[in-house]
Amino acid sequence: MKIWLGKITGATFGLFSGGPFGIFIGLIVGHLFDQFIERNVLGIQQRSNGSAGSNSDSSLQLQIQQVFFRTTFRVMGRIAKADGHVSNEEIAAAQNIMTQMGLSGDMRQQAIQYFTDGKDADFDLGPDLRRLKEALNHQASLSQMFLEIQLSVAYSDGKLTLEERRILDRICRDLGISAFQFEWIHSRVKASIAGGWSSSQSSDGRSRGRSGGRQSRSGDLATAYAVLGLKSDVSDKDLKKEYRKLMSQHHPDKLVAKGLPAEMMKLAKEKTQEIQTAYDKIRQARK
């Protein structure tokens, strides 16, 4: 904001005290006065306003993180109990995600409690999903990350049941994820798990697919294309474009800045590693 009071006052005073020369001197003195006000008074006010805005942003980010964290584990519990009982594989998958996130002490106990809440027969997904949608405010990358986590739990026992699929459809409907987007995300996550690329499928951080033996080179390459959601005849240009898009969507720092809980950064890093590995395999095969 520009200040003119000093110049006007100085020029007026100079006019009555020294004529044209007085106006000139008055303008100089007034200009220096205005600069002082702008730098020292308004500068402090602007910094104060900036600080208030920063605090507001931090508060909003914290709110998003809390809602995301709570809803993630509650919905995980609901999916695990979808068929009436919770399998050992589903419990292991939830525990592995907690371990990947580095949760311990009170944070881990809170996650377990949320997971238990979701298993309750009377638990209603609706309110939690509506709060999550409102908190995310149409941030597609976070909605997709949420869906990917739930898909990994749904597939923890090697299959997707009808009840689990219904819950996933409900998630998509409430979060505004289209059927096309779901199938695209679903195919990528399914390929990653089936190919043994996802570390969320074992309690020790290693994928079950790898422990069961290495895929053939052609099978591994097919998985790489599927992980990127692409067909094998994709052009080099479109391959690079999709790779960059996926890396940007799953960039840990970007997701955390948008509201992903910092504890979930490791999950985002795993996704970027899967994407990078898939891209590298395809590029190597095309040389």
Protein backbone atom coordinates (compact mmCIF):
# COMPACT_ATOMS: atom_id res chain seq x y z
CA MET A 1 0.00 0.00 0.00
CA LYS A 2 1.45 3.39 -1.05
CA ILE A 3 1.42 6.28 1.45
CA TRP A 4 1.10 9.90 0.21
CA LEU A 5 0.38 11.77 3.45
CA GLY A 6 3.99 12.84 3.98
CA LYS A 7 4.39 14.19 0.45
CA ILE A 8 1.12 16.12 0.58
CA THR A 9 1.85 17.58 4.00
CA GLY A 10 5.45 18.42 3.09
CA ALA A 11 4.50 20.08 -0.19
CA THR A 12 1.75 22.12 1.46
CA PHE A 13 4.03 23.27 4.26
CA GLY A 14 6.79 24.08 1.75
CA LEU A 15 4.46 26.14 -0.41
CA PHE A 16 3.57 28.46 2.44
CA SER A 17 7.05 28.65 3.89
CA GLY A 18 9.35 28.76 0.89
CA GLY A 19 7.50 28.97 -2.40
CA PRO A 20 8.43 26.60 -5.24
CA PHE A 21 11.78 25.71 -3.64
CA GLY A 22 9.96 25.00 -0.40
CA ILE A 23 7.60 22.67 -2.23
CA PHE A 24 10.60 20.74 -3.59
CA ILE A 25 12.21 20.39 -0.16
CA GLY A 26 8.84 19.50 1.38
CA LEU A 27 8.31 16.73 -1.17
CA ILE A 28 11.72 15.21 -0.40
CA VAL A 29 11.16 15.26 3.35
CA GLY A 30 7.60 14.01 2.92
CA HIS A 31 8.79 11.19 0.65
CA LEU A 32 11.30 10.03 3.27
CA PHE A 33 8.56 10.14 5.90
CA ASP A 34 6.24 8.02 3.71
CA GLN A 35 9.00 5.45 3.14
CA PHE A 36 9.55 5.18 6.88
CA ILE A 37 5.83 4.58 7.45
CA GLU A 38 5.63 1.97 4.67
CA ARG A 39 8.68 0.01 5.84
CA ASN A 40 8.33 0.20 9.60
CA VAL A 41 4.62 0.57 10.34
CA LEU A 42 2.82 -1.11 7.45
CA GLY A 43 5.62 -3.67 7.16
CA ILE A 44 4.95 -4.82 10.69
CA GLN A 45 1.20 -4.96 10.01
CA GLN A 46 1.69 -6.97 6.83
CA ARG A 47 4.01 -9.42 8.56
CA SER A 48 1.46 -9.76 11.32
CA ASN A 49 -1.30 -10.43 8.81
CA GLY A 50 0.95 -12.89 7.00
CA SER A 51 1.64 -14.68 10.24
CA ALA A 52 -2.06 -14.87 10.99
CA GLY A 53 -2.67 -16.29 7.52
CA SER A 54 0.10 -18.81 8.03
CA ASN A 55 -1.37 -19.90 11.35
CA SER A 56 -4.77 -20.27 9.69
CA ASP A 57 -3.27 -22.43 6.92
CA SER A 58 -1.48 -24.59 9.49
CA SER A 59 -4.69 -25.04 11.44
CA LEU A 60 -6.57 -26.08 8.28
CA GLN A 61 -3.83 -28.52 7.30
CA LEU A 62 -3.89 -30.07 10.78
CA GLN A 63 -7.67 -30.47 10.55
CA ILE A 64 -7.38 -32.23 7.18
CA GLN A 65 -4.67 -34.54 8.55
CA GLN A 66 -6.78 -35.50 11.56
CA VAL A 67 -9.86 -36.23 9.45
CA PHE A 68 -7.81 -38.20 6.91
CA PHE A 69 -6.09 -40.26 9.62
CA ARG A 70 -9.30 -41.06 11.49
CA THR A 71 -11.32 -41.91 8.38
CA THR A 72 -8.55 -44.05 6.89
CA PHE A 73 -8.48 -46.49 9.79
CA ARG A 74 -12.22 -46.49 10.44
CA VAL A 75 -12.95 -47.36 6.82
CA MET A 76 -10.17 -49.96 6.89
CA GLY A 77 -11.97 -51.59 9.82
CA ARG A 78 -15.27 -51.49 7.94
CA ILE A 79 -13.74 -53.15 4.88
CA ALA A 80 -12.04 -55.79 7.00
CA LYS A 81 -15.39 -56.69 8.62
CA ALA A 82 -17.35 -56.46 5.34
CA ASP A 83 -17.93 -60.22 5.09
CA GLY A 84 -18.82 -60.62 8.76
CA HIS A 85 -15.41 -61.49 10.17
CA VAL A 86 -11.90 -60.08 10.12
CA SER A 87 -9.26 -62.42 8.68
CA ASN A 88 -5.70 -62.73 9.94
CA GLU A 89 -4.50 -61.33 6.61
CA GLU A 90 -6.64 -58.21 7.02
CA ILE A 91 -5.37 -57.65 10.56
CA ALA A 92 -1.80 -58.14 9.32
CA ALA A 93 -2.38 -55.67 6.47
CA ALA A 94 -3.68 -53.01 8.87
CA GLN A 95 -0.79 -53.60 11.27
CA ASN A 96 1.70 -53.45 8.41
CA ILE A 97 0.33 -50.09 7.28
CA MET A 98 0.70 -48.82 10.85
CA THR A 99 4.29 -50.11 10.88
CA GLN A 100 5.05 -48.51 7.51
CA MET A 101 3.75 -45.24 8.91
CA GLY A 102 6.04 -45.60 11.90
CA LEU A 103 3.12 -45.46 14.34
CA SER A 104 3.94 -46.30 17.94
CA GLY A 105 2.67 -45.52 21.41
CA ASP A 106 -0.43 -43.35 21.58
CA MET A 107 -0.63 -42.84 17.80
CA ARG A 108 -0.68 -46.58 17.15
CA GLN A 109 -3.27 -47.13 19.88
CA GLN A 110 -5.41 -44.39 18.34
CA ALA A 111 -5.17 -46.04 14.92
CA ILE A 112 -6.15 -49.40 16.44
CA GLN A 113 -9.13 -47.77 18.17
CA TYR A 114 -10.29 -46.20 14.90
CA PHE A 115 -9.90 -49.58 13.17
CA THR A 116 -11.97 -51.17 15.95
CA ASP A 117 -14.62 -48.44 15.58
CA GLY A 118 -14.95 -49.31 11.90
CA LYS A 119 -15.50 -52.99 12.67
CA ASP A 120 -18.57 -52.20 14.77
CA ALA A 121 -21.75 -53.46 13.14
CA ASP A 122 -23.46 -50.12 13.80
CA PHE A 123 -20.69 -48.04 12.22
CA ASP A 124 -21.98 -45.77 9.44
CA LEU A 125 -19.48 -44.73 6.78
CA GLY A 126 -21.55 -41.77 5.65
CA PRO A 127 -20.68 -39.06 8.22
CA ASP A 128 -16.95 -39.84 8.13
CA LEU A 129 -16.80 -39.83 4.34
CA ARG A 130 -18.76 -36.59 4.14
CA ARG A 131 -16.37 -34.93 6.60
CA LEU A 132 -13.43 -36.25 4.60
CA LYS A 133 -14.84 -34.93 1.33
CA GLU A 134 -15.41 -31.52 2.90
CA ALA A 135 -11.90 -31.47 4.37
CA LEU A 136 -10.22 -32.52 1.12
CA ASN A 137 -12.14 -29.88 -0.85
CA HIS A 138 -11.87 -31.64 -4.24
CA GLN A 139 -8.17 -32.50 -3.90
CA ALA A 140 -8.18 -35.50 -6.23
CA SER A 141 -4.68 -36.69 -5.36
CA LEU A 142 -5.59 -37.17 -1.69
CA SER A 143 -8.89 -38.86 -2.57
CA GLN A 144 -7.02 -41.27 -4.83
CA MET A 145 -4.42 -41.96 -2.14
CA PHE A 146 -7.23 -42.75 0.30
CA LEU A 147 -8.82 -45.16 -2.18
CA GLU A 148 -5.48 -46.87 -2.89
CA ILE A 149 -4.98 -47.54 0.83
CA GLN A 150 -8.46 -49.06 1.14
CA LEU A 151 -7.93 -51.21 -1.95
CA SER A 152 -4.69 -52.60 -0.51
CA VAL A 153 -6.60 -53.70 2.61
CA ALA A 154 -9.47 -55.16 0.56
CA TYR A 155 -7.00 -57.30 -1.40
CA SER A 156 -5.00 -58.36 1.67
CA ASP A 157 -6.57 -61.84 1.58
CA GLY A 158 -6.00 -62.16 -2.16
CA LYS A 159 -9.53 -61.41 -3.36
CA LEU A 160 -12.13 -58.66 -3.53
CA THR A 161 -15.51 -59.74 -2.18
CA LEU A 162 -18.86 -58.37 -3.28
CA GLU A 163 -19.38 -56.62 0.06
CA GLU A 164 -15.93 -55.04 -0.10
CA ARG A 165 -16.65 -53.83 -3.62
CA ARG A 166 -19.90 -52.25 -2.42
CA ILE A 167 -18.02 -50.34 0.26
CA LEU A 168 -15.45 -49.17 -2.29
CA ASP A 169 -18.26 -48.02 -4.57
CA ARG A 170 -19.73 -46.09 -1.62
CA ILE A 171 -16.35 -44.45 -1.01
CA CYS A 172 -16.12 -43.39 -4.65
CA ARG A 173 -19.65 -42.05 -4.68
CA ASP A 174 -19.21 -40.01 -1.49
CA LEU A 175 -15.76 -38.67 -2.44
CA GLY A 176 -16.71 -37.86 -6.02
CA ILE A 177 -14.48 -40.46 -7.69
CA SER A 178 -15.95 -41.49 -11.05
CA ALA A 179 -16.41 -45.10 -12.15
CA PHE A 180 -13.71 -44.58 -14.79
CA GLN A 181 -11.28 -43.22 -12.21
CA PHE A 182 -12.03 -46.13 -9.89
CA GLU A 183 -11.34 -48.74 -12.56
CA TRP A 184 -8.09 -47.00 -13.50
CA ILE A 185 -6.90 -46.85 -9.88
CA HIS A 186 -8.23 -50.35 -9.18
CA SER A 187 -6.34 -51.89 -12.11
CA ARG A 188 -3.09 -50.23 -11.06
CA VAL A 189 -3.34 -51.31 -7.42
CA LYS A 190 -4.43 -54.83 -8.38
CA ALA A 191 -1.49 -55.19 -10.77
CA SER A 192 0.94 -53.93 -8.14
CA ILE A 193 -0.34 -56.44 -5.58
CA ALA A 194 -0.63 -59.37 -8.01
CA GLY A 195 2.86 -58.70 -9.32
CA GLY A 196 4.27 -58.57 -5.81
CA TRP A 197 5.29 -54.91 -6.04
CA SER A 198 3.31 -53.62 -3.07
CA SER A 199 4.96 -53.89 0.35
CA SER A 200 1.61 -53.37 2.07
CA GLN A 201 0.79 -57.03 1.62
CA SER A 202 3.16 -58.50 4.20
CA SER A 203 3.94 -57.89 7.83
CA ASP A 204 7.68 -57.55 7.23
CA GLY A 205 7.44 -54.94 4.48
CA ARG A 206 8.13 -57.38 1.65
CA SER A 207 5.53 -58.27 -0.94
CA ARG A 208 4.03 -61.71 -1.06
CA GLY A 209 4.47 -61.86 -4.80
CA ARG A 210 8.24 -61.57 -4.54
CA SER A 211 8.49 -64.20 -1.83
CA GLY A 212 6.52 -66.59 -3.99
CA GLY A 213 9.12 -66.49 -6.75
CA ARG A 214 10.20 -64.03 -9.42
CA GLN A 215 7.94 -63.32 -12.34
CA SER A 216 9.10 -63.99 -15.86
CA ARG A 217 10.60 -61.02 -17.67
CA SER A 218 7.52 -60.70 -19.89
CA GLY A 219 5.19 -60.99 -16.89
CA ASP A 220 7.16 -58.39 -14.98
CA LEU A 221 7.00 -56.04 -17.96
CA ALA A 222 3.24 -56.54 -18.28
CA THR A 223 2.90 -55.67 -14.59
CA ALA A 224 4.98 -52.54 -15.13
CA TYR A 225 2.58 -51.30 -17.81
CA ALA A 226 -0.42 -52.15 -15.60
CA VAL A 227 1.07 -50.32 -12.60
CA LEU A 228 1.22 -47.19 -14.75
CA GLY A 229 -2.29 -47.87 -16.08
CA LEU A 230 -1.01 -48.09 -19.67
CA LYS A 231 -1.10 -50.51 -22.59
CA SER A 232 2.10 -51.95 -24.02
CA ASP A 233 1.71 -50.06 -27.32
CA VAL A 234 1.78 -46.64 -25.64
CA SER A 235 4.11 -44.16 -27.31
CA ASP A 236 7.30 -43.01 -25.60
CA LYS A 237 5.86 -39.51 -25.36
CA ASP A 238 2.64 -40.63 -23.66
CA LEU A 239 4.60 -43.02 -21.44
CA LYS A 240 6.72 -40.19 -20.10
CA LYS A 241 3.68 -37.92 -19.75
CA GLU A 242 1.77 -40.49 -17.65
CA TYR A 243 4.86 -41.27 -15.58
CA ARG A 244 5.37 -37.61 -14.71
CA LYS A 245 1.66 -37.21 -13.93
CA LEU A 246 1.66 -40.17 -11.53
CA MET A 247 4.88 -39.06 -9.85
CA SER A 248 3.42 -35.60 -9.32
CA GLN A 249 0.14 -36.99 -7.93
CA HIS A 250 1.97 -39.23 -5.44
CA HIS A 251 4.80 -36.86 -4.52
CA PRO A 252 5.05 -37.21 -0.71
CA ASP A 253 5.84 -33.56 0.00
CA LYS A 254 2.99 -32.33 -2.21
CA LEU A 255 0.52 -34.70 -0.57
CA VAL A 256 1.59 -33.70 2.94
CA ALA A 257 1.30 -30.02 1.99
CA LYS A 258 -2.28 -30.71 0.86
CA GLY A 259 -3.18 -32.43 4.12
CA LEU A 260 -1.89 -36.01 4.03
CA PRO A 261 -0.81 -36.94 7.58
CA ALA A 262 2.98 -36.79 7.82
CA GLU A 263 2.93 -40.34 9.18
CA MET A 264 1.56 -41.52 5.83
CA MET A 265 4.46 -40.06 3.86
CA LYS A 266 6.11 -43.50 3.80
CA LEU A 267 3.07 -44.92 2.02
CA ALA A 268 3.30 -42.17 -0.58
CA LYS A 269 7.03 -42.84 -1.00
CA GLU A 270 6.27 -46.51 -1.61
CA LYS A 271 3.85 -45.54 -4.37
CA THR A 272 6.43 -43.32 -6.06
CA GLN A 273 8.98 -46.15 -5.84
CA GLU A 274 6.52 -48.52 -7.54
CA ILE A 275 5.88 -45.97 -10.28
CA GLN A 276 9.61 -45.32 -10.74
CA THR A 277 10.40 -49.04 -10.89
CA ALA A 278 7.66 -49.64 -13.46
CA TYR A 279 8.86 -46.76 -15.64
CA ASP A 280 12.50 -47.88 -15.44
CA LYS A 281 11.60 -51.45 -16.45
CA ILE A 282 9.65 -50.26 -19.48
CA ARG A 283 12.38 -47.84 -20.55
CA GLN A 284 15.01 -50.57 -20.19
CA ALA A 285 12.94 -52.99 -22.28
CA ARG A 286 12.53 -50.39 -25.05
CA LYS A 287 16.24 -49.74 -25.49
